[in-house]
Amino acid sequence: MSMLHRHFILRITTKLLMPFILMFALYVQFHGDFGPGGGFQAGVIFGAGFILYALIYGIDAAEKVTPPGLIRAVMALGLLLYVGVGYFGMFLGGAFLDYNVLRHDPVHGQHLGITLVELGVGTTVAATMITVFFSFAGRMRRGKRPE
């Protein structure tokens, strides 16, 4: 029996749930400054969605959807976004990660700064989770056991 037929229900369920998992991660990401949630939680949900995809469809299929080079670039961009917001605040005359100076009034500056920083955290956490998973899965695929 082929792999496709053995895990038919899991594959269909995963394919149906993936858009909802990723949409929920986006909701948690952008609702985080108004309630529970934020970048870290959204990154974990987003990363877990891709890990679920890799577990059900295989590492090779997951690497086609999310190439490791792209994931490393997203990880770096998330970190650069976080640090960039901090330095941009300093450039505008505030302290590191002082969001008040980012907009015409402090309330709008706080909102913009928190949104950008949380986006940087979310993308970095998701990319890091996926990278760690691919690293361990690759070691297991080559026959090496994690220590």
N, C-alpha and C. Protein backbone atom coordinates (compact mmCIF):
# COMPACT_ATOMS: atom_id res chain seq x y z
N MET A 1 0.85 -1.17 0.00
CA MET A 1 0.00 0.00 0.00
C MET A 1 0.90 1.24 0.00
N SER A 2 0.61 2.16 -0.87
CA SER A 2 1.46 3.34 -0.99
C SER A 2 1.24 4.29 0.19
N MET A 3 2.22 5.17 0.36
CA MET A 3 2.16 6.14 1.46
C MET A 3 0.93 7.04 1.33
N LEU A 4 0.55 7.37 0.09
CA LEU A 4 -0.59 8.24 -0.13
C LEU A 4 -1.88 7.62 0.39
N HIS A 5 -2.05 6.32 0.19
CA HIS A 5 -3.28 5.66 0.63
C HIS A 5 -3.28 5.38 2.13
N ARG A 6 -2.11 5.15 2.71
CA ARG A 6 -2.05 4.84 4.14
C ARG A 6 -2.45 6.01 5.01
N HIS A 7 -2.10 7.22 4.63
CA HIS A 7 -2.37 8.39 5.45
C HIS A 7 -3.35 9.33 4.77
N PHE A 8 -4.32 8.78 4.11
CA PHE A 8 -5.26 9.57 3.32
C PHE A 8 -6.03 10.57 4.19
N ILE A 9 -6.56 10.12 5.31
CA ILE A 9 -7.37 11.01 6.17
C ILE A 9 -6.50 12.11 6.76
N LEU A 10 -5.29 11.77 7.21
CA LEU A 10 -4.40 12.80 7.76
C LEU A 10 -4.01 13.83 6.71
N ARG A 11 -3.76 13.38 5.49
CA ARG A 11 -3.38 14.31 4.43
C ARG A 11 -4.52 15.26 4.08
N ILE A 12 -5.71 14.75 3.95
CA ILE A 12 -6.86 15.60 3.62
C ILE A 12 -7.15 16.57 4.75
N THR A 13 -7.12 16.06 5.99
CA THR A 13 -7.39 16.92 7.15
C THR A 13 -6.35 18.03 7.26
N THR A 14 -5.09 17.68 7.05
CA THR A 14 -4.03 18.68 7.10
C THR A 14 -4.20 19.72 6.01
N LYS A 15 -4.51 19.28 4.82
CA LYS A 15 -4.70 20.21 3.71
C LYS A 15 -5.88 21.16 3.97
N LEU A 16 -6.92 20.65 4.62
CA LEU A 16 -8.06 21.51 4.95
C LEU A 16 -7.76 22.46 6.10
N LEU A 17 -6.96 22.03 7.08
CA LEU A 17 -6.71 22.84 8.27
C LEU A 17 -5.59 23.86 8.09
N MET A 18 -4.67 23.64 7.16
CA MET A 18 -3.52 24.53 7.02
C MET A 18 -3.92 26.00 6.83
N PRO A 19 -4.86 26.34 5.95
CA PRO A 19 -5.22 27.76 5.84
C PRO A 19 -5.75 28.35 7.14
N PHE A 20 -6.50 27.56 7.89
CA PHE A 20 -7.05 28.05 9.16
C PHE A 20 -5.96 28.21 10.22
N ILE A 21 -5.00 27.30 10.25
CA ILE A 21 -3.89 27.40 11.20
C ILE A 21 -3.08 28.66 10.91
N LEU A 22 -2.75 28.88 9.64
CA LEU A 22 -1.96 30.05 9.28
C LEU A 22 -2.75 31.35 9.47
N MET A 23 -4.05 31.31 9.19
CA MET A 23 -4.88 32.49 9.41
C MET A 23 -4.98 32.81 10.90
N PHE A 24 -5.11 31.78 11.74
CA PHE A 24 -5.15 32.00 13.17
C PHE A 24 -3.83 32.59 13.67
N ALA A 25 -2.71 32.14 13.10
CA ALA A 25 -1.41 32.71 13.47
C ALA A 25 -1.37 34.20 13.12
N LEU A 26 -1.89 34.57 11.97
CA LEU A 26 -1.93 35.98 11.60
C LEU A 26 -2.85 36.77 12.53
N TYR A 27 -3.96 36.17 12.92
CA TYR A 27 -4.86 36.83 13.86
C TYR A 27 -4.15 37.08 15.19
N VAL A 28 -3.46 36.07 15.70
CA VAL A 28 -2.74 36.22 16.97
C VAL A 28 -1.64 37.27 16.81
N GLN A 29 -1.00 37.28 15.66
CA GLN A 29 0.07 38.25 15.41
C GLN A 29 -0.45 39.69 15.49
N PHE A 30 -1.50 39.97 14.77
CA PHE A 30 -1.96 41.35 14.66
C PHE A 30 -2.98 41.76 15.71
N HIS A 31 -3.43 40.81 16.52
CA HIS A 31 -4.33 41.13 17.61
C HIS A 31 -3.56 41.23 18.92
N GLY A 32 -2.28 40.90 18.90
CA GLY A 32 -1.47 40.82 20.10
C GLY A 32 -1.33 42.11 20.87
N ASP A 33 -1.41 43.24 20.20
CA ASP A 33 -1.28 44.49 20.96
C ASP A 33 -2.61 44.93 21.55
N PHE A 34 -3.70 44.23 21.24
CA PHE A 34 -5.01 44.54 21.82
C PHE A 34 -5.46 43.51 22.85
N GLY A 35 -4.84 42.36 22.88
CA GLY A 35 -5.24 41.29 23.79
C GLY A 35 -4.14 40.25 23.88
N PRO A 36 -4.44 39.07 24.41
CA PRO A 36 -3.43 38.03 24.51
C PRO A 36 -2.91 37.63 23.13
N GLY A 37 -1.65 37.42 23.08
CA GLY A 37 -1.04 37.01 21.82
C GLY A 37 0.13 37.91 21.50
N GLY A 38 0.57 37.85 20.29
CA GLY A 38 1.69 38.66 19.86
C GLY A 38 2.62 37.86 18.99
N GLY A 39 3.81 38.40 18.80
CA GLY A 39 4.76 37.82 17.87
C GLY A 39 5.22 36.42 18.23
N PHE A 40 5.58 36.21 19.48
CA PHE A 40 6.10 34.89 19.85
C PHE A 40 5.03 33.81 19.66
N GLN A 41 3.85 34.06 20.18
CA GLN A 41 2.77 33.07 20.08
C GLN A 41 2.41 32.81 18.61
N ALA A 42 2.32 33.88 17.83
CA ALA A 42 1.99 33.72 16.41
C ALA A 42 3.08 32.96 15.68
N GLY A 43 4.34 33.24 16.01
CA GLY A 43 5.45 32.52 15.38
C GLY A 43 5.41 31.03 15.69
N VAL A 44 5.07 30.70 16.92
CA VAL A 44 4.97 29.28 17.30
C VAL A 44 3.84 28.60 16.53
N ILE A 45 2.70 29.25 16.42
CA ILE A 45 1.57 28.66 15.69
C ILE A 45 1.92 28.51 14.21
N PHE A 46 2.50 29.54 13.62
CA PHE A 46 2.88 29.50 12.21
C PHE A 46 3.91 28.40 11.96
N GLY A 47 4.94 28.34 12.81
CA GLY A 47 5.95 27.29 12.67
C GLY A 47 5.37 25.90 12.85
N ALA A 48 4.47 25.76 13.82
CA ALA A 48 3.84 24.45 14.05
C ALA A 48 3.01 24.01 12.86
N GLY A 49 2.39 24.97 12.17
CA GLY A 49 1.64 24.62 10.97
C GLY A 49 2.53 24.02 9.89
N PHE A 50 3.69 24.62 9.67
CA PHE A 50 4.61 24.08 8.68
C PHE A 50 5.22 22.77 9.13
N ILE A 51 5.45 22.62 10.42
CA ILE A 51 5.98 21.36 10.93
C ILE A 51 4.93 20.26 10.76
N LEU A 52 3.66 20.57 11.00
CA LEU A 52 2.60 19.60 10.75
C LEU A 52 2.60 19.17 9.28
N TYR A 53 2.73 20.14 8.39
CA TYR A 53 2.79 19.83 6.96
C TYR A 53 3.97 18.89 6.67
N ALA A 54 5.13 19.17 7.25
CA ALA A 54 6.30 18.33 7.01
C ALA A 54 6.12 16.93 7.58
N LEU A 55 5.47 16.82 8.73
CA LEU A 55 5.25 15.50 9.32
C LEU A 55 4.29 14.66 8.48
N ILE A 56 3.30 15.28 7.89
CA ILE A 56 2.29 14.54 7.13
C ILE A 56 2.75 14.28 5.69
N TYR A 57 3.31 15.28 5.04
CA TYR A 57 3.67 15.16 3.62
C TYR A 57 5.13 14.81 3.38
N GLY A 58 5.95 14.86 4.40
CA GLY A 58 7.36 14.51 4.26
C GLY A 58 8.26 15.73 4.19
N ILE A 59 9.51 15.51 4.52
CA ILE A 59 10.49 16.59 4.56
C ILE A 59 10.74 17.15 3.17
N ASP A 60 10.82 16.29 2.17
CA ASP A 60 11.09 16.77 0.81
C ASP A 60 10.00 17.70 0.31
N ALA A 61 8.74 17.34 0.56
CA ALA A 61 7.63 18.20 0.14
C ALA A 61 7.65 19.52 0.92
N ALA A 62 7.98 19.47 2.20
CA ALA A 62 8.02 20.69 3.01
C ALA A 62 9.16 21.60 2.56
N GLU A 63 10.28 21.02 2.16
CA GLU A 63 11.40 21.84 1.69
C GLU A 63 11.10 22.48 0.34
N LYS A 64 10.20 21.89 -0.43
CA LYS A 64 9.78 22.54 -1.68
C LYS A 64 8.89 23.75 -1.39
N VAL A 65 8.04 23.63 -0.37
CA VAL A 65 7.15 24.73 0.01
C VAL A 65 7.93 25.84 0.71
N THR A 66 8.81 25.46 1.61
CA THR A 66 9.61 26.42 2.37
C THR A 66 11.08 26.05 2.23
N PRO A 67 11.75 26.51 1.18
CA PRO A 67 13.17 26.17 1.01
C PRO A 67 14.00 26.69 2.19
N PRO A 68 14.97 25.90 2.64
CA PRO A 68 15.77 26.31 3.80
C PRO A 68 16.45 27.68 3.62
N GLY A 69 16.88 28.01 2.41
CA GLY A 69 17.48 29.33 2.19
C GLY A 69 16.50 30.45 2.43
N LEU A 70 15.27 30.27 2.00
CA LEU A 70 14.23 31.27 2.23
C LEU A 70 13.94 31.41 3.73
N ILE A 71 13.90 30.29 4.42
CA ILE A 71 13.63 30.32 5.86
C ILE A 71 14.74 31.05 6.59
N ARG A 72 15.99 30.81 6.22
CA ARG A 72 17.10 31.53 6.86
C ARG A 72 17.02 33.03 6.57
N ALA A 73 16.62 33.38 5.35
CA ALA A 73 16.48 34.80 5.00
C ALA A 73 15.37 35.45 5.82
N VAL A 74 14.25 34.76 6.00
CA VAL A 74 13.14 35.29 6.79
C VAL A 74 13.57 35.45 8.25
N MET A 75 14.34 34.49 8.75
CA MET A 75 14.83 34.59 10.13
C MET A 75 15.70 35.84 10.29
N ALA A 76 16.58 36.08 9.35
CA ALA A 76 17.45 37.26 9.42
C ALA A 76 16.65 38.54 9.25
N LEU A 77 15.68 38.55 8.34
CA LEU A 77 14.87 39.75 8.13
C LEU A 77 14.04 40.10 9.37
N GLY A 78 13.52 39.09 10.05
CA GLY A 78 12.77 39.35 11.29
C GLY A 78 13.65 39.98 12.35
N LEU A 79 14.86 39.48 12.48
CA LEU A 79 15.79 40.06 13.45
C LEU A 79 16.17 41.48 13.05
N LEU A 80 16.41 41.68 11.75
CA LEU A 80 16.75 43.03 11.27
C LEU A 80 15.60 44.01 11.47
N LEU A 81 14.36 43.55 11.30
CA LEU A 81 13.21 44.41 11.53
C LEU A 81 13.15 44.85 12.99
N TYR A 82 13.34 43.91 13.90
CA TYR A 82 13.33 44.22 15.33
C TYR A 82 14.41 45.24 15.67
N VAL A 83 15.63 44.95 15.28
CA VAL A 83 16.75 45.84 15.59
C VAL A 83 16.62 47.16 14.83
N GLY A 84 16.12 47.09 13.60
CA GLY A 84 15.96 48.29 12.80
C GLY A 84 14.99 49.28 13.41
N VAL A 85 13.91 48.79 13.98
CA VAL A 85 12.95 49.67 14.65
C VAL A 85 13.63 50.36 15.84
N GLY A 86 14.44 49.60 16.57
CA GLY A 86 15.15 50.19 17.71
C GLY A 86 16.12 51.28 17.28
N TYR A 87 16.90 51.00 16.26
CA TYR A 87 17.87 52.00 15.80
C TYR A 87 17.19 53.18 15.11
N PHE A 88 16.08 52.94 14.43
CA PHE A 88 15.37 54.04 13.80
C PHE A 88 14.84 55.02 14.85
N GLY A 89 14.39 54.49 15.98
CA GLY A 89 13.97 55.35 17.08
C GLY A 89 15.13 56.19 17.60
N MET A 90 16.31 55.58 17.67
CA MET A 90 17.49 56.34 18.10
C MET A 90 17.85 57.41 17.07
N PHE A 91 17.71 57.06 15.79
CA PHE A 91 18.01 58.01 14.72
C PHE A 91 17.09 59.23 14.79
N LEU A 92 15.85 59.00 15.24
CA LEU A 92 14.89 60.11 15.36
C LEU A 92 15.01 60.87 16.67
N GLY A 93 15.98 60.52 17.50
CA GLY A 93 16.22 61.28 18.73
C GLY A 93 15.74 60.62 20.00
N GLY A 94 15.18 59.45 19.93
CA GLY A 94 14.72 58.75 21.13
C GLY A 94 15.75 57.73 21.58
N ALA A 95 15.35 56.90 22.52
CA ALA A 95 16.21 55.81 23.00
C ALA A 95 15.97 54.58 22.12
N PHE A 96 16.79 53.55 22.31
CA PHE A 96 16.61 52.31 21.57
C PHE A 96 15.23 51.73 21.91
N LEU A 97 14.46 51.40 20.89
CA LEU A 97 13.09 50.89 21.01
C LEU A 97 12.15 51.88 21.70
N ASP A 98 12.43 53.16 21.57
CA ASP A 98 11.51 54.20 22.04
C ASP A 98 10.54 54.47 20.89
N TYR A 99 9.34 53.95 21.01
CA TYR A 99 8.37 54.03 19.91
C TYR A 99 7.71 55.39 19.80
N ASN A 100 7.77 56.19 20.84
CA ASN A 100 7.08 57.48 20.85
C ASN A 100 7.49 58.38 19.70
N VAL A 101 8.73 58.29 19.26
CA VAL A 101 9.25 59.20 18.24
C VAL A 101 8.97 58.72 16.81
N LEU A 102 8.35 57.57 16.66
CA LEU A 102 8.16 57.01 15.32
C LEU A 102 7.05 57.69 14.53
N ARG A 103 6.10 58.32 15.20
CA ARG A 103 4.98 58.98 14.52
C ARG A 103 4.77 60.36 15.09
N HIS A 104 3.77 61.05 14.58
CA HIS A 104 3.51 62.43 14.98
C HIS A 104 3.05 62.56 16.43
N ASP A 105 2.40 61.54 16.97
CA ASP A 105 2.06 61.58 18.39
C ASP A 105 2.45 60.24 19.03
N PRO A 106 2.74 60.24 20.33
CA PRO A 106 3.25 59.04 20.99
C PRO A 106 2.33 57.81 20.90
N VAL A 107 1.03 58.01 20.90
CA VAL A 107 0.11 56.86 20.84
C VAL A 107 0.26 56.14 19.50
N HIS A 108 0.28 56.89 18.42
CA HIS A 108 0.46 56.27 17.11
C HIS A 108 1.86 55.67 16.97
N GLY A 109 2.85 56.32 17.55
CA GLY A 109 4.20 55.78 17.54
C GLY A 109 4.31 54.46 18.28
N GLN A 110 3.64 54.40 19.45
CA GLN A 110 3.63 53.14 20.22
C GLN A 110 2.98 52.01 19.42
N HIS A 111 1.86 52.32 18.79
CA HIS A 111 1.16 51.29 18.01
C HIS A 111 2.01 50.80 16.85
N LEU A 112 2.60 51.71 16.10
CA LEU A 112 3.44 51.33 14.97
C LEU A 112 4.66 50.55 15.44
N GLY A 113 5.32 51.03 16.47
CA GLY A 113 6.52 50.35 16.96
C GLY A 113 6.25 48.95 17.45
N ILE A 114 5.21 48.80 18.24
CA ILE A 114 4.88 47.47 18.77
C ILE A 114 4.49 46.53 17.64
N THR A 115 3.72 47.02 16.68
CA THR A 115 3.32 46.16 15.55
C THR A 115 4.55 45.69 14.78
N LEU A 116 5.48 46.58 14.49
CA LEU A 116 6.67 46.20 13.72
C LEU A 116 7.58 45.27 14.51
N VAL A 117 7.78 45.55 15.79
CA VAL A 117 8.63 44.70 16.61
C VAL A 117 8.02 43.31 16.76
N GLU A 118 6.72 43.25 16.99
CA GLU A 118 6.06 41.94 17.12
C GLU A 118 6.09 41.16 15.80
N LEU A 119 6.01 41.86 14.68
CA LEU A 119 6.13 41.19 13.38
C LEU A 119 7.53 40.61 13.22
N GLY A 120 8.55 41.35 13.64
CA GLY A 120 9.91 40.84 13.60
C GLY A 120 10.09 39.62 14.49
N VAL A 121 9.52 39.67 15.69
CA VAL A 121 9.61 38.53 16.61
C VAL A 121 8.88 37.33 16.03
N GLY A 122 7.68 37.54 15.49
CA GLY A 122 6.90 36.43 14.94
C GLY A 122 7.59 35.73 13.79
N THR A 123 8.14 36.50 12.86
CA THR A 123 8.81 35.87 11.71
C THR A 123 10.09 35.16 12.15
N THR A 124 10.80 35.73 13.10
CA THR A 124 12.03 35.09 13.57
C THR A 124 11.72 33.79 14.31
N VAL A 125 10.71 33.80 15.16
CA VAL A 125 10.35 32.59 15.91
C VAL A 125 9.86 31.50 14.97
N ALA A 126 9.00 31.83 14.02
CA ALA A 126 8.51 30.82 13.07
C ALA A 126 9.65 30.23 12.26
N ALA A 127 10.51 31.09 11.73
CA ALA A 127 11.63 30.61 10.92
C ALA A 127 12.61 29.78 11.74
N THR A 128 12.82 30.16 12.99
CA THR A 128 13.72 29.40 13.85
C THR A 128 13.15 28.03 14.16
N MET A 129 11.86 27.95 14.45
CA MET A 129 11.23 26.65 14.70
C MET A 129 11.34 25.73 13.48
N ILE A 130 11.07 26.28 12.32
CA ILE A 130 11.14 25.48 11.09
C ILE A 130 12.57 25.03 10.83
N THR A 131 13.53 25.92 11.05
CA THR A 131 14.94 25.58 10.84
C THR A 131 15.40 24.48 11.79
N VAL A 132 15.02 24.60 13.06
CA VAL A 132 15.39 23.57 14.03
C VAL A 132 14.76 22.23 13.65
N PHE A 133 13.51 22.26 13.24
CA PHE A 133 12.84 21.02 12.83
C PHE A 133 13.55 20.41 11.63
N PHE A 134 13.83 21.21 10.60
CA PHE A 134 14.53 20.70 9.42
C PHE A 134 15.90 20.15 9.79
N SER A 135 16.59 20.79 10.72
CA SER A 135 17.91 20.32 11.13
C SER A 135 17.83 18.94 11.77
N PHE A 136 16.91 18.78 12.71
CA PHE A 136 16.77 17.47 13.34
C PHE A 136 16.22 16.43 12.38
N ALA A 137 15.27 16.81 11.55
CA ALA A 137 14.71 15.85 10.59
C ALA A 137 15.76 15.43 9.58
N GLY A 138 16.61 16.36 9.17
CA GLY A 138 17.68 16.02 8.24
C GLY A 138 18.70 15.09 8.85
N ARG A 139 19.01 15.28 10.13
CA ARG A 139 19.94 14.37 10.80
C ARG A 139 19.35 12.98 10.92
N MET A 140 18.04 12.93 11.21
CA MET A 140 17.40 11.61 11.34
C MET A 140 17.33 10.93 9.98
N ARG A 141 17.14 11.72 8.92
CA ARG A 141 17.05 11.15 7.59
C ARG A 141 18.38 10.59 7.14
N ARG A 142 19.49 11.20 7.57
CA ARG A 142 20.82 10.72 7.19
C ARG A 142 21.29 9.59 8.10
N GLY A 143 20.46 9.21 9.06
CA GLY A 143 20.82 8.09 9.93
C GLY A 143 21.54 8.48 11.19
N LYS A 144 21.70 9.77 11.45
CA LYS A 144 22.37 10.22 12.67
C LYS A 144 21.31 10.48 13.72
N ARG A 145 21.58 10.09 14.92
CA ARG A 145 20.66 10.33 16.02
C ARG A 145 21.04 11.63 16.72
N PRO A 146 20.05 12.45 17.10
CA PRO A 146 20.39 13.66 17.88
C PRO A 146 20.92 13.27 19.25
N GLU A 147 21.86 14.03 19.73
CA GLU A 147 22.47 13.69 21.03
C GLU A 147 21.85 14.45 22.15
